[in-house]
Amino acid sequence: MKRRILLVDDDVAVLLTLKAVLEMHGFEVHTANSVNDAVEKLNAGIYQMVITDMRMETENAGWQVVRAAKDQEYRPATAILTAYPSIEDDWQERGAHSLLVKPVGTRDLVRQIEALLVNHEDEKQRSRATESLSAAEVPTDRKGTRKAG
């Protein structure tokens, strides 16, 4: 199964170039050129990762895309793609999993994406395991109904 990436940028040249590079490395890539377009695609499909430019319609449009991705039940990995890394120093606190700095070399980009996808999937599995353990520890009555704590 190909891993699906949603790539969001208002620069068509960047979108087409990165799409071609990622597809050559076995990813299924969908593109969006605005926050609204990205939100529609996030709601209509399932993506393992969302890579978004920061500055599109507004200086902080990328954060809107990250928030929309985080609101999805399937919880995709998120990365900010920016040419201004010093400005984006709070990217982890704001919910992004990675910061990709433009320009980025093909090998380095693919390596970073692969590592992020593996780490993110591991994190999701650990979280599910913790949730399962927590649910198993909730006291129930004889009928199996959870008791209020």
N, C-alpha and C. Protein backbone atom coordinates (compact mmCIF):
# COMPACT_ATOMS: atom_id res chain seq x y z
N MET A 1 0.83 -1.18 0.00
CA MET A 1 0.00 0.00 0.00
C MET A 1 0.88 1.25 0.00
N LYS A 2 0.62 2.15 -0.93
CA LYS A 2 1.38 3.39 -0.96
C LYS A 2 0.95 4.29 0.17
N ARG A 3 1.91 4.98 0.76
CA ARG A 3 1.59 5.94 1.80
C ARG A 3 1.15 7.24 1.15
N ARG A 4 0.04 7.79 1.67
CA ARG A 4 -0.55 8.98 1.08
C ARG A 4 -0.08 10.23 1.80
N ILE A 5 0.35 11.19 1.01
CA ILE A 5 0.80 12.48 1.53
C ILE A 5 -0.04 13.58 0.90
N LEU A 6 -0.47 14.52 1.74
CA LEU A 6 -1.12 15.74 1.24
C LEU A 6 -0.08 16.83 1.30
N LEU A 7 0.24 17.39 0.16
CA LEU A 7 1.24 18.45 0.03
C LEU A 7 0.52 19.75 -0.23
N VAL A 8 0.76 20.76 0.63
CA VAL A 8 0.03 22.03 0.55
C VAL A 8 1.01 23.18 0.35
N ASP A 9 0.86 23.89 -0.74
CA ASP A 9 1.72 25.05 -1.03
C ASP A 9 1.02 25.88 -2.10
N ASP A 10 1.14 27.20 -2.02
CA ASP A 10 0.51 28.05 -3.03
C ASP A 10 1.43 28.29 -4.23
N ASP A 11 2.65 27.79 -4.17
CA ASP A 11 3.60 27.91 -5.27
C ASP A 11 3.51 26.64 -6.12
N VAL A 12 2.93 26.77 -7.32
CA VAL A 12 2.69 25.63 -8.19
C VAL A 12 3.99 24.91 -8.55
N ALA A 13 5.06 25.66 -8.76
CA ALA A 13 6.34 25.03 -9.11
C ALA A 13 6.82 24.12 -7.97
N VAL A 14 6.70 24.58 -6.74
CA VAL A 14 7.09 23.77 -5.58
C VAL A 14 6.21 22.53 -5.49
N LEU A 15 4.89 22.72 -5.64
CA LEU A 15 3.96 21.59 -5.58
C LEU A 15 4.31 20.52 -6.61
N LEU A 16 4.47 20.93 -7.84
CA LEU A 16 4.73 19.96 -8.91
C LEU A 16 6.08 19.27 -8.75
N THR A 17 7.10 20.03 -8.34
CA THR A 17 8.43 19.45 -8.16
C THR A 17 8.44 18.44 -7.01
N LEU A 18 7.92 18.84 -5.86
CA LEU A 18 7.90 17.93 -4.71
C LEU A 18 7.00 16.73 -4.97
N LYS A 19 5.89 16.95 -5.63
CA LYS A 19 4.99 15.84 -5.97
C LYS A 19 5.73 14.81 -6.82
N ALA A 20 6.43 15.26 -7.85
CA ALA A 20 7.17 14.35 -8.73
C ALA A 20 8.25 13.59 -7.96
N VAL A 21 8.99 14.29 -7.13
CA VAL A 21 10.07 13.67 -6.34
C VAL A 21 9.49 12.60 -5.41
N LEU A 22 8.44 12.94 -4.70
CA LEU A 22 7.85 11.99 -3.74
C LEU A 22 7.22 10.80 -4.45
N GLU A 23 6.58 11.03 -5.59
CA GLU A 23 6.00 9.91 -6.34
C GLU A 23 7.09 8.98 -6.86
N MET A 24 8.23 9.52 -7.25
CA MET A 24 9.35 8.67 -7.69
C MET A 24 9.86 7.78 -6.56
N HIS A 25 9.60 8.19 -5.32
CA HIS A 25 10.04 7.41 -4.16
C HIS A 25 8.90 6.59 -3.57
N GLY A 26 7.84 6.39 -4.32
CA GLY A 26 6.79 5.46 -3.93
C GLY A 26 5.64 6.01 -3.11
N PHE A 27 5.54 7.32 -2.97
CA PHE A 27 4.43 7.90 -2.23
C PHE A 27 3.28 8.24 -3.17
N GLU A 28 2.07 8.17 -2.67
CA GLU A 28 0.91 8.69 -3.39
C GLU A 28 0.70 10.11 -2.89
N VAL A 29 0.80 11.09 -3.78
CA VAL A 29 0.80 12.48 -3.37
C VAL A 29 -0.42 13.21 -3.93
N HIS A 30 -1.15 13.85 -3.04
CA HIS A 30 -2.26 14.72 -3.41
C HIS A 30 -1.81 16.14 -3.08
N THR A 31 -2.28 17.10 -3.84
CA THR A 31 -1.86 18.47 -3.62
C THR A 31 -3.04 19.39 -3.34
N ALA A 32 -2.73 20.46 -2.61
CA ALA A 32 -3.69 21.53 -2.34
C ALA A 32 -2.93 22.84 -2.40
N ASN A 33 -3.58 23.90 -2.89
CA ASN A 33 -2.86 25.17 -3.02
C ASN A 33 -3.39 26.26 -2.09
N SER A 34 -4.22 25.85 -1.11
CA SER A 34 -4.74 26.82 -0.14
C SER A 34 -5.20 26.07 1.11
N VAL A 35 -5.47 26.83 2.16
CA VAL A 35 -5.98 26.22 3.39
C VAL A 35 -7.32 25.56 3.12
N ASN A 36 -8.22 26.25 2.46
CA ASN A 36 -9.55 25.69 2.20
C ASN A 36 -9.48 24.40 1.38
N ASP A 37 -8.63 24.40 0.37
CA ASP A 37 -8.45 23.21 -0.47
C ASP A 37 -7.89 22.06 0.38
N ALA A 38 -6.94 22.36 1.25
CA ALA A 38 -6.35 21.34 2.12
C ALA A 38 -7.38 20.77 3.08
N VAL A 39 -8.18 21.62 3.69
CA VAL A 39 -9.20 21.17 4.64
C VAL A 39 -10.21 20.24 3.94
N GLU A 40 -10.63 20.62 2.74
CA GLU A 40 -11.56 19.77 1.98
C GLU A 40 -10.96 18.39 1.74
N LYS A 41 -9.69 18.36 1.35
CA LYS A 41 -9.04 17.08 1.05
C LYS A 41 -8.81 16.27 2.33
N LEU A 42 -8.46 16.92 3.42
CA LEU A 42 -8.29 16.22 4.70
C LEU A 42 -9.60 15.58 5.15
N ASN A 43 -10.70 16.26 4.93
CA ASN A 43 -12.00 15.73 5.32
C ASN A 43 -12.50 14.62 4.39
N ALA A 44 -12.02 14.61 3.16
CA ALA A 44 -12.50 13.65 2.17
C ALA A 44 -11.64 12.39 2.07
N GLY A 45 -10.42 12.42 2.58
CA GLY A 45 -9.53 11.27 2.43
C GLY A 45 -8.76 10.99 3.70
N ILE A 46 -7.90 9.99 3.63
CA ILE A 46 -7.03 9.64 4.75
C ILE A 46 -5.59 9.74 4.27
N TYR A 47 -4.80 10.49 5.01
CA TYR A 47 -3.40 10.71 4.68
C TYR A 47 -2.52 10.28 5.84
N GLN A 48 -1.37 9.71 5.52
CA GLN A 48 -0.42 9.36 6.57
C GLN A 48 0.39 10.59 6.99
N MET A 49 0.49 11.56 6.06
CA MET A 49 1.29 12.75 6.36
C MET A 49 0.74 13.95 5.61
N VAL A 50 0.87 15.12 6.26
CA VAL A 50 0.52 16.40 5.63
C VAL A 50 1.76 17.28 5.71
N ILE A 51 2.20 17.76 4.56
CA ILE A 51 3.32 18.69 4.49
C ILE A 51 2.77 20.01 3.97
N THR A 52 2.93 21.07 4.75
CA THR A 52 2.35 22.35 4.35
C THR A 52 3.36 23.48 4.41
N ASP A 53 3.27 24.36 3.43
CA ASP A 53 4.02 25.60 3.46
C ASP A 53 3.40 26.46 4.56
N MET A 54 4.20 27.31 5.15
CA MET A 54 3.68 28.18 6.21
C MET A 54 2.98 29.39 5.63
N ARG A 55 3.63 30.07 4.72
CA ARG A 55 3.12 31.34 4.21
C ARG A 55 2.41 31.14 2.88
N MET A 56 1.09 31.21 2.96
CA MET A 56 0.28 31.10 1.74
C MET A 56 -0.65 32.30 1.71
N GLU A 57 -1.96 32.10 1.96
CA GLU A 57 -2.88 33.23 1.95
C GLU A 57 -2.52 34.25 3.03
N THR A 58 -2.02 33.76 4.14
CA THR A 58 -1.59 34.62 5.24
C THR A 58 -0.22 34.14 5.72
N GLU A 59 0.39 34.91 6.62
CA GLU A 59 1.70 34.55 7.16
C GLU A 59 1.67 33.23 7.93
N ASN A 60 0.51 32.90 8.51
CA ASN A 60 0.39 31.71 9.35
C ASN A 60 -0.60 30.69 8.81
N ALA A 61 -0.83 30.69 7.52
CA ALA A 61 -1.80 29.76 6.93
C ALA A 61 -1.44 28.31 7.21
N GLY A 62 -0.16 28.01 7.26
CA GLY A 62 0.27 26.64 7.53
C GLY A 62 -0.24 26.11 8.85
N TRP A 63 -0.34 26.98 9.86
CA TRP A 63 -0.85 26.53 11.17
C TRP A 63 -2.30 26.12 11.07
N GLN A 64 -3.07 26.77 10.20
CA GLN A 64 -4.46 26.38 10.00
C GLN A 64 -4.52 24.96 9.41
N VAL A 65 -3.62 24.66 8.50
CA VAL A 65 -3.57 23.32 7.91
C VAL A 65 -3.17 22.30 8.97
N VAL A 66 -2.17 22.62 9.80
CA VAL A 66 -1.74 21.71 10.86
C VAL A 66 -2.90 21.43 11.83
N ARG A 67 -3.62 22.48 12.23
CA ARG A 67 -4.77 22.30 13.13
C ARG A 67 -5.84 21.41 12.50
N ALA A 68 -6.11 21.65 11.23
CA ALA A 68 -7.12 20.83 10.54
C ALA A 68 -6.67 19.37 10.46
N ALA A 69 -5.39 19.14 10.25
CA ALA A 69 -4.86 17.77 10.20
C ALA A 69 -4.97 17.11 11.57
N LYS A 70 -4.65 17.87 12.62
CA LYS A 70 -4.72 17.32 13.98
C LYS A 70 -6.15 17.00 14.40
N ASP A 71 -7.13 17.66 13.78
CA ASP A 71 -8.54 17.42 14.10
C ASP A 71 -9.08 16.14 13.46
N GLN A 72 -8.32 15.56 12.54
CA GLN A 72 -8.76 14.34 11.87
C GLN A 72 -8.61 13.14 12.80
N GLU A 73 -9.58 12.22 12.77
CA GLU A 73 -9.50 11.02 13.61
C GLU A 73 -8.28 10.18 13.29
N TYR A 74 -7.85 10.18 12.04
CA TYR A 74 -6.74 9.32 11.63
C TYR A 74 -5.37 9.90 11.99
N ARG A 75 -5.32 11.10 12.51
CA ARG A 75 -4.12 11.74 13.05
C ARG A 75 -2.87 11.58 12.16
N PRO A 76 -2.82 12.30 11.03
CA PRO A 76 -1.63 12.20 10.18
C PRO A 76 -0.43 12.90 10.81
N ALA A 77 0.76 12.48 10.40
CA ALA A 77 1.97 13.22 10.76
C ALA A 77 1.90 14.56 10.06
N THR A 78 2.48 15.60 10.65
CA THR A 78 2.44 16.92 10.04
C THR A 78 3.84 17.52 9.99
N ALA A 79 4.12 18.20 8.89
CA ALA A 79 5.41 18.88 8.74
C ALA A 79 5.17 20.25 8.13
N ILE A 80 5.91 21.22 8.64
CA ILE A 80 5.89 22.57 8.09
C ILE A 80 7.04 22.69 7.11
N LEU A 81 6.75 23.20 5.93
CA LEU A 81 7.75 23.44 4.91
C LEU A 81 7.95 24.95 4.84
N THR A 82 9.15 25.42 5.14
CA THR A 82 9.34 26.87 5.20
C THR A 82 10.73 27.27 4.72
N ALA A 83 10.81 28.48 4.21
CA ALA A 83 12.11 29.07 3.86
C ALA A 83 12.58 29.99 4.97
N TYR A 84 11.79 30.08 6.05
CA TYR A 84 12.09 31.00 7.15
C TYR A 84 12.15 30.25 8.48
N PRO A 85 13.13 29.38 8.67
CA PRO A 85 13.16 28.54 9.88
C PRO A 85 13.30 29.31 11.18
N SER A 86 13.98 30.43 11.18
CA SER A 86 14.16 31.17 12.43
C SER A 86 12.85 31.77 12.93
N ILE A 87 11.94 32.04 12.03
CA ILE A 87 10.65 32.61 12.40
C ILE A 87 9.75 31.54 13.02
N GLU A 88 9.94 30.30 12.60
CA GLU A 88 9.05 29.21 13.01
C GLU A 88 9.63 28.42 14.18
N ASP A 89 10.16 29.09 15.20
CA ASP A 89 10.84 28.39 16.27
C ASP A 89 9.93 27.69 17.26
N ASP A 90 8.62 27.91 17.20
CA ASP A 90 7.69 27.25 18.11
C ASP A 90 6.87 26.17 17.42
N TRP A 91 7.38 25.61 16.34
CA TRP A 91 6.62 24.67 15.52
C TRP A 91 6.20 23.41 16.29
N GLN A 92 7.02 22.91 17.19
CA GLN A 92 6.62 21.71 17.94
C GLN A 92 5.50 22.02 18.93
N GLU A 93 5.61 23.15 19.61
CA GLU A 93 4.57 23.52 20.58
C GLU A 93 3.23 23.76 19.89
N ARG A 94 3.28 24.12 18.63
CA ARG A 94 2.04 24.42 17.90
C ARG A 94 1.48 23.20 17.18
N GLY A 95 2.12 22.04 17.37
CA GLY A 95 1.53 20.80 16.88
C GLY A 95 2.16 20.15 15.67
N ALA A 96 3.15 20.77 15.06
CA ALA A 96 3.80 20.13 13.91
C ALA A 96 4.80 19.08 14.42
N HIS A 97 4.95 18.02 13.66
CA HIS A 97 5.88 16.96 14.03
C HIS A 97 7.28 17.19 13.48
N SER A 98 7.39 18.02 12.43
CA SER A 98 8.69 18.25 11.81
C SER A 98 8.72 19.60 11.11
N LEU A 99 9.92 20.12 10.95
CA LEU A 99 10.14 21.37 10.23
C LEU A 99 11.09 21.06 9.07
N LEU A 100 10.63 21.27 7.85
CA LEU A 100 11.44 21.04 6.65
C LEU A 100 11.80 22.40 6.08
N VAL A 101 13.08 22.64 5.88
CA VAL A 101 13.55 23.95 5.44
C VAL A 101 13.82 23.93 3.94
N LYS A 102 13.18 24.89 3.23
CA LYS A 102 13.41 25.06 1.79
C LYS A 102 14.66 25.89 1.57
N PRO A 103 15.45 25.62 0.59
CA PRO A 103 15.38 24.43 -0.27
C PRO A 103 15.92 23.21 0.48
N VAL A 104 15.38 22.06 0.13
CA VAL A 104 15.83 20.81 0.75
C VAL A 104 16.18 19.84 -0.36
N GLY A 105 17.29 19.13 -0.19
CA GLY A 105 17.73 18.15 -1.18
C GLY A 105 16.80 16.95 -1.20
N THR A 106 16.71 16.30 -2.34
CA THR A 106 15.82 15.17 -2.53
C THR A 106 16.08 14.06 -1.53
N ARG A 107 17.32 13.62 -1.41
CA ARG A 107 17.64 12.52 -0.48
C ARG A 107 17.29 12.89 0.95
N ASP A 108 17.66 14.09 1.33
CA ASP A 108 17.40 14.54 2.69
C ASP A 108 15.90 14.63 2.96
N LEU A 109 15.14 15.15 2.01
CA LEU A 109 13.69 15.26 2.16
C LEU A 109 13.07 13.88 2.35
N VAL A 110 13.40 12.95 1.49
CA VAL A 110 12.82 11.61 1.56
C VAL A 110 13.23 10.93 2.86
N ARG A 111 14.48 11.09 3.27
CA ARG A 111 14.95 10.50 4.53
C ARG A 111 14.17 11.06 5.72
N GLN A 112 13.98 12.38 5.73
CA GLN A 112 13.24 13.01 6.83
C GLN A 112 11.78 12.56 6.86
N ILE A 113 11.17 12.44 5.69
CA ILE A 113 9.77 12.01 5.62
C ILE A 113 9.64 10.56 6.09
N GLU A 114 10.52 9.69 5.61
CA GLU A 114 10.49 8.28 6.03
C GLU A 114 10.63 8.17 7.54
N ALA A 115 11.60 8.89 8.11
CA ALA A 115 11.83 8.83 9.56
C ALA A 115 10.62 9.35 10.32
N LEU A 116 10.04 10.43 9.86
CA LEU A 116 8.87 11.00 10.53
C LEU A 116 7.69 10.03 10.48
N LEU A 117 7.47 9.40 9.33
CA LEU A 117 6.35 8.46 9.22
C LEU A 117 6.52 7.27 10.17
N VAL A 118 7.74 6.73 10.25
CA VAL A 118 8.00 5.61 11.15
C VAL A 118 7.80 6.03 12.61
N ASN A 119 8.41 7.15 12.99
CA ASN A 119 8.27 7.64 14.37
C ASN A 119 6.82 7.96 14.72
N HIS A 120 6.11 8.56 13.80
CA HIS A 120 4.72 8.93 14.07
C HIS A 120 3.85 7.69 14.23
N GLU A 121 4.06 6.69 13.38
CA GLU A 121 3.27 5.45 13.50
C GLU A 121 3.58 4.75 14.82
N ASP A 122 4.85 4.72 15.22
CA ASP A 122 5.23 4.13 16.51
C ASP A 122 4.52 4.86 17.65
N GLU A 123 4.50 6.19 17.58
CA GLU A 123 3.86 7.01 18.61
C GLU A 123 2.36 6.71 18.68
N LYS A 124 1.71 6.58 17.51
CA LYS A 124 0.29 6.28 17.49
C LYS A 124 0.00 4.91 18.09
N GLN A 125 0.86 3.93 17.80
CA GLN A 125 0.65 2.59 18.36
C GLN A 125 0.85 2.58 19.87
N ARG A 126 1.87 3.31 20.35
CA ARG A 126 2.07 3.41 21.80
C ARG A 126 0.86 4.06 22.46
N SER A 127 0.34 5.09 21.83
CA SER A 127 -0.82 5.79 22.38
C SER A 127 -2.04 4.87 22.43
N ARG A 128 -2.26 4.08 21.37
CA ARG A 128 -3.38 3.14 21.36
C ARG A 128 -3.21 2.08 22.44
N ALA A 129 -1.98 1.60 22.63
CA ALA A 129 -1.72 0.59 23.66
C ALA A 129 -2.00 1.16 25.05
N THR A 130 -1.58 2.39 25.28
CA THR A 130 -1.82 3.05 26.56
C THR A 130 -3.32 3.24 26.79
N GLU A 131 -4.04 3.65 25.75
CA GLU A 131 -5.49 3.83 25.86
C GLU A 131 -6.18 2.51 26.16
N SER A 132 -5.72 1.42 25.53
CA SER A 132 -6.30 0.10 25.77
C SER A 132 -6.08 -0.34 27.21
N LEU A 133 -4.87 -0.11 27.72
CA LEU A 133 -4.58 -0.46 29.11
C LEU A 133 -5.44 0.36 30.06
N SER A 134 -5.57 1.63 29.80
CA SER A 134 -6.38 2.50 30.65
C SER A 134 -7.84 2.06 30.64
N ALA A 135 -8.35 1.70 29.48
CA ALA A 135 -9.74 1.26 29.37
C ALA A 135 -9.93 -0.05 30.11
N ALA A 136 -8.94 -0.93 30.09
CA ALA A 136 -9.04 -2.22 30.76
C ALA A 136 -9.03 -2.06 32.28
N GLU A 137 -8.49 -0.98 32.78
CA GLU A 137 -8.38 -0.77 34.21
C GLU A 137 -9.59 -0.09 34.82
N VAL A 138 -10.55 0.36 33.98
CA VAL A 138 -11.73 1.05 34.49
C VAL A 138 -12.64 0.02 35.16
N PRO A 139 -13.04 0.24 36.41
CA PRO A 139 -13.89 -0.72 37.12
C PRO A 139 -15.28 -0.82 36.48
N THR A 140 -15.81 -2.03 36.47
CA THR A 140 -17.14 -2.26 35.93
C THR A 140 -17.98 -3.01 36.96
N ASP A 141 -19.30 -2.93 36.81
CA ASP A 141 -20.16 -3.70 37.69
C ASP A 141 -20.36 -5.09 37.09
N ARG A 142 -21.21 -5.90 37.67
CA ARG A 142 -21.39 -7.28 37.20
C ARG A 142 -21.93 -7.36 35.78
N LYS A 143 -22.61 -6.33 35.34
CA LYS A 143 -23.17 -6.33 33.99
C LYS A 143 -22.17 -5.85 32.95
N GLY A 144 -20.98 -5.43 33.42
CA GLY A 144 -19.97 -4.94 32.49
C GLY A 144 -20.06 -3.45 32.25
N THR A 145 -20.96 -2.78 32.95
CA THR A 145 -21.12 -1.33 32.81
C THR A 145 -20.00 -0.66 33.61
N ARG A 146 -19.37 0.30 32.99
CA ARG A 146 -18.29 1.02 33.69
C ARG A 146 -18.86 1.80 34.85
N LYS A 147 -18.16 1.69 35.96
CA LYS A 147 -18.58 2.44 37.16
C LYS A 147 -18.04 3.85 37.07
N ALA A 148 -18.82 4.78 37.55
CA ALA A 148 -18.36 6.17 37.59
C ALA A 148 -17.27 6.29 38.64
N GLY A 149 -16.22 7.07 38.33
CA GLY A 149 -15.08 7.19 39.24
C GLY A 149 -15.24 8.32 40.13
